[in-house]
Amino acid sequence: MNQDRAETATKSMGPEPNLKSKTPQASRSTLPYDQLKSRKIAVVFVTADQPATPR
């Protein structure tokens, strides 16, 4: 029973790093972070463009 559980655990842990190491999966996972980053930068630029407007 324990051996079967260990085997399933190793099997479930095995494919995850492989998918993460693959370039398409990595780019797809980092895409939302890049979008958030670009949004943050855009917000910073907008606030920098309008320094006269009071908050």
PDB file of N, CA and C in Angstrom:
ATOM      1  N   MET A   1       0.839  -1.203   0.000  1.00  0.00           N
ATOM      2  CA  MET A   1       0.000   0.000   0.000  1.00  0.00           C
ATOM      3  C   MET A   1       0.879   1.260   0.000  1.00  0.00           C
ATOM      4  N   ASN A   2       1.826   1.318   0.943  1.00  0.00           N
ATOM      5  CA  ASN A   2       2.693   2.496   1.004  1.00  0.00           C
ATOM      6  C   ASN A   2       3.552   2.607  -0.254  1.00  0.00           C
ATOM      7  N   GLN A   3       4.027   1.443  -0.741  1.00  0.00           N
ATOM      8  CA  GLN A   3       4.865   1.476  -1.940  1.00  0.00           C
ATOM      9  C   GLN A   3       4.063   2.021  -3.124  1.00  0.00           C
ATOM     10  N   ASP A   4       2.806   1.581  -3.265  1.00  0.00           N
ATOM     11  CA  ASP A   4       1.962   2.076  -4.357  1.00  0.00           C
ATOM     12  C   ASP A   4       1.787   3.590  -4.230  1.00  0.00           C
ATOM     13  N   ARG A   5       1.556   4.057  -3.023  1.00  0.00           N
ATOM     14  CA  ARG A   5       1.380   5.498  -2.820  1.00  0.00           C
ATOM     15  C   ARG A   5       2.655   6.250  -3.198  1.00  0.00           C
ATOM     16  N   ALA A   6       3.797   5.699  -2.798  1.00  0.00           N
ATOM     17  CA  ALA A   6       5.068   6.347  -3.130  1.00  0.00           C
ATOM     18  C   ALA A   6       5.247   6.394  -4.649  1.00  0.00           C
ATOM     19  N   GLU A   7       4.902   5.300  -5.333  1.00  0.00           N
ATOM     20  CA  GLU A   7       5.039   5.262  -6.789  1.00  0.00           C
ATOM     21  C   GLU A   7       4.133   6.310  -7.435  1.00  0.00           C
ATOM     22  N   THR A   8       2.886   6.413  -6.973  1.00  0.00           N
ATOM     23  CA  THR A   8       1.967   7.404  -7.543  1.00  0.00           C
ATOM     24  C   THR A   8       2.486   8.805  -7.245  1.00  0.00           C
ATOM     25  N   ALA A   9       3.048   9.020  -6.074  1.00  0.00           N
ATOM     26  CA  ALA A   9       3.584  10.340  -5.721  1.00  0.00           C
ATOM     27  C   ALA A   9       4.732  10.701  -6.660  1.00  0.00           C
ATOM     28  N   THR A  10       5.638   9.745  -6.878  1.00  0.00           N
ATOM     29  CA  THR A  10       6.768  10.026  -7.771  1.00  0.00           C
ATOM     30  C   THR A  10       6.263  10.245  -9.195  1.00  0.00           C
ATOM     31  N   LYS A  11       5.261   9.463  -9.605  1.00  0.00           N
ATOM     32  CA  LYS A  11       4.715   9.633 -10.960  1.00  0.00           C
ATOM     33  C   LYS A  11       4.066  11.011 -11.092  1.00  0.00           C
ATOM     34  N   SER A  12       3.311  11.434 -10.070  1.00  0.00           N
ATOM     35  CA  SER A  12       2.644  12.738 -10.142  1.00  0.00           C
ATOM     36  C   SER A  12       3.675  13.868 -10.096  1.00  0.00           C
ATOM     37  N   MET A  13       4.766  13.665  -9.357  1.00  0.00           N
ATOM     38  CA  MET A  13       5.793  14.704  -9.270  1.00  0.00           C
ATOM     39  C   MET A  13       6.681  14.711 -10.516  1.00  0.00           C
ATOM     40  N   GLY A  14       6.784  13.578 -11.183  1.00  0.00           N
ATOM     41  CA  GLY A  14       7.663  13.487 -12.341  1.00  0.00           C
ATOM     42  C   GLY A  14       7.277  14.413 -13.489  1.00  0.00           C
ATOM     43  N   PRO A  15       6.057  14.323 -14.012  1.00  0.00           N
ATOM     44  CA  PRO A  15       5.700  15.117 -15.196  1.00  0.00           C
ATOM     45  C   PRO A  15       5.658  16.619 -14.940  1.00  0.00           C
ATOM     46  N   GLU A  16       5.429  17.041 -13.692  1.00  0.00           N
ATOM     47  CA  GLU A  16       5.301  18.485 -13.423  1.00  0.00           C
ATOM     48  C   GLU A  16       6.577  19.255 -13.791  1.00  0.00           C
ATOM     49  N   PRO A  17       7.757  18.881 -13.276  1.00  0.00           N
ATOM     50  CA  PRO A  17       8.965  19.619 -13.644  1.00  0.00           C
ATOM     51  C   PRO A  17       9.265  19.542 -15.143  1.00  0.00           C
ATOM     52  N   ASN A  18       8.937  18.398 -15.763  1.00  0.00           N
ATOM     53  CA  ASN A  18       9.170  18.270 -17.206  1.00  0.00           C
ATOM     54  C   ASN A  18       8.330  19.285 -17.968  1.00  0.00           C
ATOM     55  N   LEU A  19       7.053  19.441 -17.577  1.00  0.00           N
ATOM     56  CA  LEU A  19       6.189  20.416 -18.244  1.00  0.00           C
ATOM     57  C   LEU A  19       6.715  21.825 -17.998  1.00  0.00           C
ATOM     58  N   LYS A  20       7.175  22.077 -16.775  1.00  0.00           N
ATOM     59  CA  LYS A  20       7.685  23.413 -16.461  1.00  0.00           C
ATOM     60  C   LYS A  20       8.962  23.701 -17.253  1.00  0.00           C
ATOM     61  N   SER A  21       9.790  22.675 -17.454  1.00  0.00           N
ATOM     62  CA  SER A  21      11.052  22.880 -18.173  1.00  0.00           C
ATOM     63  C   SER A  21      10.792  23.134 -19.653  1.00  0.00           C
ATOM     64  N   LYS A  22       9.674  22.608 -20.191  1.00  0.00           N
ATOM     65  CA  LYS A  22       9.359  22.827 -21.607  1.00  0.00           C
ATOM     66  C   LYS A  22       9.119  24.318 -21.854  1.00  0.00           C
ATOM     67  N   THR A  23       9.610  24.804 -22.977  1.00  0.00           N
ATOM     68  CA  THR A  23       9.522  26.243 -23.267  1.00  0.00           C
ATOM     69  C   THR A  23       8.077  26.718 -23.445  1.00  0.00           C
ATOM     70  N   PRO A  24       7.201  26.019 -24.188  1.00  0.00           N
ATOM     71  CA  PRO A  24       5.842  26.547 -24.373  1.00  0.00           C
ATOM     72  C   PRO A  24       5.088  26.669 -23.055  1.00  0.00           C
ATOM     73  N   GLN A  25       5.223  25.661 -22.196  1.00  0.00           N
ATOM     74  CA  GLN A  25       4.541  25.703 -20.907  1.00  0.00           C
ATOM     75  C   GLN A  25       5.065  26.861 -20.065  1.00  0.00           C
ATOM     76  N   ALA A  26       6.389  27.055 -20.076  1.00  0.00           N
ATOM     77  CA  ALA A  26       6.985  28.122 -19.277  1.00  0.00           C
ATOM     78  C   ALA A  26       6.509  29.475 -19.774  1.00  0.00           C
ATOM     79  N   SER A  27       6.529  29.669 -21.094  1.00  0.00           N
ATOM     80  CA  SER A  27       6.113  30.960 -21.648  1.00  0.00           C
ATOM     81  C   SER A  27       4.640  31.204 -21.340  1.00  0.00           C
ATOM     82  N   ARG A  28       3.833  30.138 -21.417  1.00  0.00           N
ATOM     83  CA  ARG A  28       2.404  30.304 -21.158  1.00  0.00           C
ATOM     84  C   ARG A  28       2.170  30.640 -19.691  1.00  0.00           C
ATOM     85  N   SER A  29       2.973  30.067 -18.795  1.00  0.00           N
ATOM     86  CA  SER A  29       2.785  30.320 -17.360  1.00  0.00           C
ATOM     87  C   SER A  29       3.294  31.711 -16.999  1.00  0.00           C
ATOM     88  N   THR A  30       4.329  32.192 -17.683  1.00  0.00           N
ATOM     89  CA  THR A  30       4.877  33.513 -17.372  1.00  0.00           C
ATOM     90  C   THR A  30       4.099  34.615 -18.076  1.00  0.00           C
ATOM     91  N   LEU A  31       3.226  34.260 -19.016  1.00  0.00           N
ATOM     92  CA  LEU A  31       2.479  35.275 -19.765  1.00  0.00           C
ATOM     93  C   LEU A  31       1.655  36.179 -18.845  1.00  0.00           C
ATOM     94  N   PRO A  32       0.831  35.637 -17.941  1.00  0.00           N
ATOM     95  CA  PRO A  32       0.031  36.519 -17.069  1.00  0.00           C
ATOM     96  C   PRO A  32       0.904  37.427 -16.217  1.00  0.00           C
ATOM     97  N   TYR A  33       2.039  36.914 -15.740  1.00  0.00           N
ATOM     98  CA  TYR A  33       2.940  37.745 -14.936  1.00  0.00           C
ATOM     99  C   TYR A  33       3.473  38.903 -15.767  1.00  0.00           C
ATOM    100  N   ASP A  34       3.828  38.604 -17.021  1.00  0.00           N
ATOM    101  CA  ASP A  34       4.324  39.670 -17.911  1.00  0.00           C
ATOM    102  C   ASP A  34       3.231  40.702 -18.146  1.00  0.00           C
ATOM    103  N   GLN A  35       1.985  40.233 -18.324  1.00  0.00           N
ATOM    104  CA  GLN A  35       0.869  41.162 -18.535  1.00  0.00           C
ATOM    105  C   GLN A  35       0.713  42.067 -17.317  1.00  0.00           C
ATOM    106  N   LEU A  36       0.759  41.487 -16.126  1.00  0.00           N
ATOM    107  CA  LEU A  36       0.638  42.287 -14.904  1.00  0.00           C
ATOM    108  C   LEU A  36       1.782  43.287 -14.821  1.00  0.00           C
ATOM    109  N   LYS A  37       2.981  42.823 -15.161  1.00  0.00           N
ATOM    110  CA  LYS A  37       4.152  43.693 -15.117  1.00  0.00           C
ATOM    111  C   LYS A  37       3.963  44.865 -16.080  1.00  0.00           C
ATOM    112  N   SER A  38       3.550  44.558 -17.313  1.00  0.00           N
ATOM    113  CA  SER A  38       3.364  45.622 -18.299  1.00  0.00           C
ATOM    114  C   SER A  38       2.275  46.579 -17.828  1.00  0.00           C
ATOM    115  N   ARG A  39       1.218  46.041 -17.211  1.00  0.00           N
ATOM    116  CA  ARG A  39       0.140  46.889 -16.702  1.00  0.00           C
ATOM    117  C   ARG A  39       0.675  47.818 -15.621  1.00  0.00           C
ATOM    118  N   LYS A  40       1.478  47.265 -14.727  1.00  0.00           N
ATOM    119  CA  LYS A  40       2.062  48.080 -13.652  1.00  0.00           C
ATOM    120  C   LYS A  40       2.920  49.190 -14.251  1.00  0.00           C
ATOM    121  N   ILE A  41       3.748  48.828 -15.220  1.00  0.00           N
ATOM    122  CA  ILE A  41       4.610  49.824 -15.865  1.00  0.00           C
ATOM    123  C   ILE A  41       3.745  50.884 -16.548  1.00  0.00           C
ATOM    124  N   ALA A  42       2.673  50.425 -17.216  1.00  0.00           N
ATOM    125  CA  ALA A  42       1.773  51.367 -17.901  1.00  0.00           C
ATOM    126  C   ALA A  42       1.165  52.322 -16.878  1.00  0.00           C
ATOM    127  N   VAL A  43       0.741  51.800 -15.744  1.00  0.00           N
ATOM    128  CA  VAL A  43       0.156  52.646 -14.700  1.00  0.00           C
ATOM    129  C   VAL A  43       1.190  53.654 -14.216  1.00  0.00           C
ATOM    130  N   VAL A  44       2.419  53.196 -14.023  1.00  0.00           N
ATOM    131  CA  VAL A  44       3.486  54.105 -13.574  1.00  0.00           C
ATOM    132  C   VAL A  44       3.698  55.200 -14.610  1.00  0.00           C
ATOM    133  N   PHE A  45       3.706  54.827 -15.886  1.00  0.00           N
ATOM    134  CA  PHE A  45       3.912  55.820 -16.945  1.00  0.00           C
ATOM    135  C   PHE A  45       2.759  56.824 -16.960  1.00  0.00           C
ATOM    136  N   VAL A  46       1.550  56.325 -16.790  1.00  0.00           N
ATOM    137  CA  VAL A  46       0.375  57.208 -16.799  1.00  0.00           C
ATOM    138  C   VAL A  46       0.479  58.198 -15.644  1.00  0.00           C
ATOM    139  N   THR A  47       0.829  57.719 -14.459  1.00  0.00           N
ATOM    140  CA  THR A  47       0.940  58.605 -13.297  1.00  0.00           C
ATOM    141  C   THR A  47       2.091  59.590 -13.516  1.00  0.00           C
ATOM    142  N   ALA A  48       3.147  59.153 -14.183  1.00  0.00           N
ATOM    143  CA  ALA A  48       4.278  60.055 -14.449  1.00  0.00           C
ATOM    144  C   ALA A  48       3.871  61.107 -15.481  1.00  0.00           C
ATOM    145  N   ASP A  49       3.028  60.713 -16.444  1.00  0.00           N
ATOM    146  CA  ASP A  49       2.598  61.670 -17.473  1.00  0.00           C
ATOM    147  C   ASP A  49       1.684  62.742 -16.885  1.00  0.00           C
ATOM    148  N   GLN A  50       0.967  62.402 -15.814  1.00  0.00           N
ATOM    149  CA  GLN A  50       0.034  63.363 -15.226  1.00  0.00           C
ATOM    150  C   GLN A  50       0.463  63.686 -13.786  1.00  0.00           C
ATOM    151  N   PRO A  51       1.547  64.424 -13.581  1.00  0.00           N
ATOM    152  CA  PRO A  51       1.981  64.755 -12.227  1.00  0.00           C
ATOM    153  C   PRO A  51       1.173  65.907 -11.637  1.00  0.00           C
ATOM    154  N   ALA A  52       0.542  66.741 -12.493  1.00  0.00           N
ATOM    155  CA  ALA A  52      -0.181  67.922 -12.015  1.00  0.00           C
ATOM    156  C   ALA A  52      -1.532  67.529 -11.414  1.00  0.00           C
ATOM    157  N   THR A  53      -2.098  66.380 -11.845  1.00  0.00           N
ATOM    158  CA  THR A  53      -3.423  66.004 -11.350  1.00  0.00           C
ATOM    159  C   THR A  53      -3.311  65.609  -9.887  1.00  0.00           C
ATOM    160  N   PRO A  54      -4.100  66.242  -8.997  1.00  0.00           N
ATOM    161  CA  PRO A  54      -4.050  65.879  -7.572  1.00  0.00           C
ATOM    162  C   PRO A  54      -4.693  64.528  -7.328  1.00  0.00           C
ATOM    163  N   ARG A  55      -4.150  63.783  -6.357  1.00  0.00           N
ATOM    164  CA  ARG A  55      -4.688  62.458  -6.066  1.00  0.00           C
ATOM    165  C   ARG A  55      -5.888  62.591  -5.134  1.00  0.00           C
TER     166      ARG A  55
END
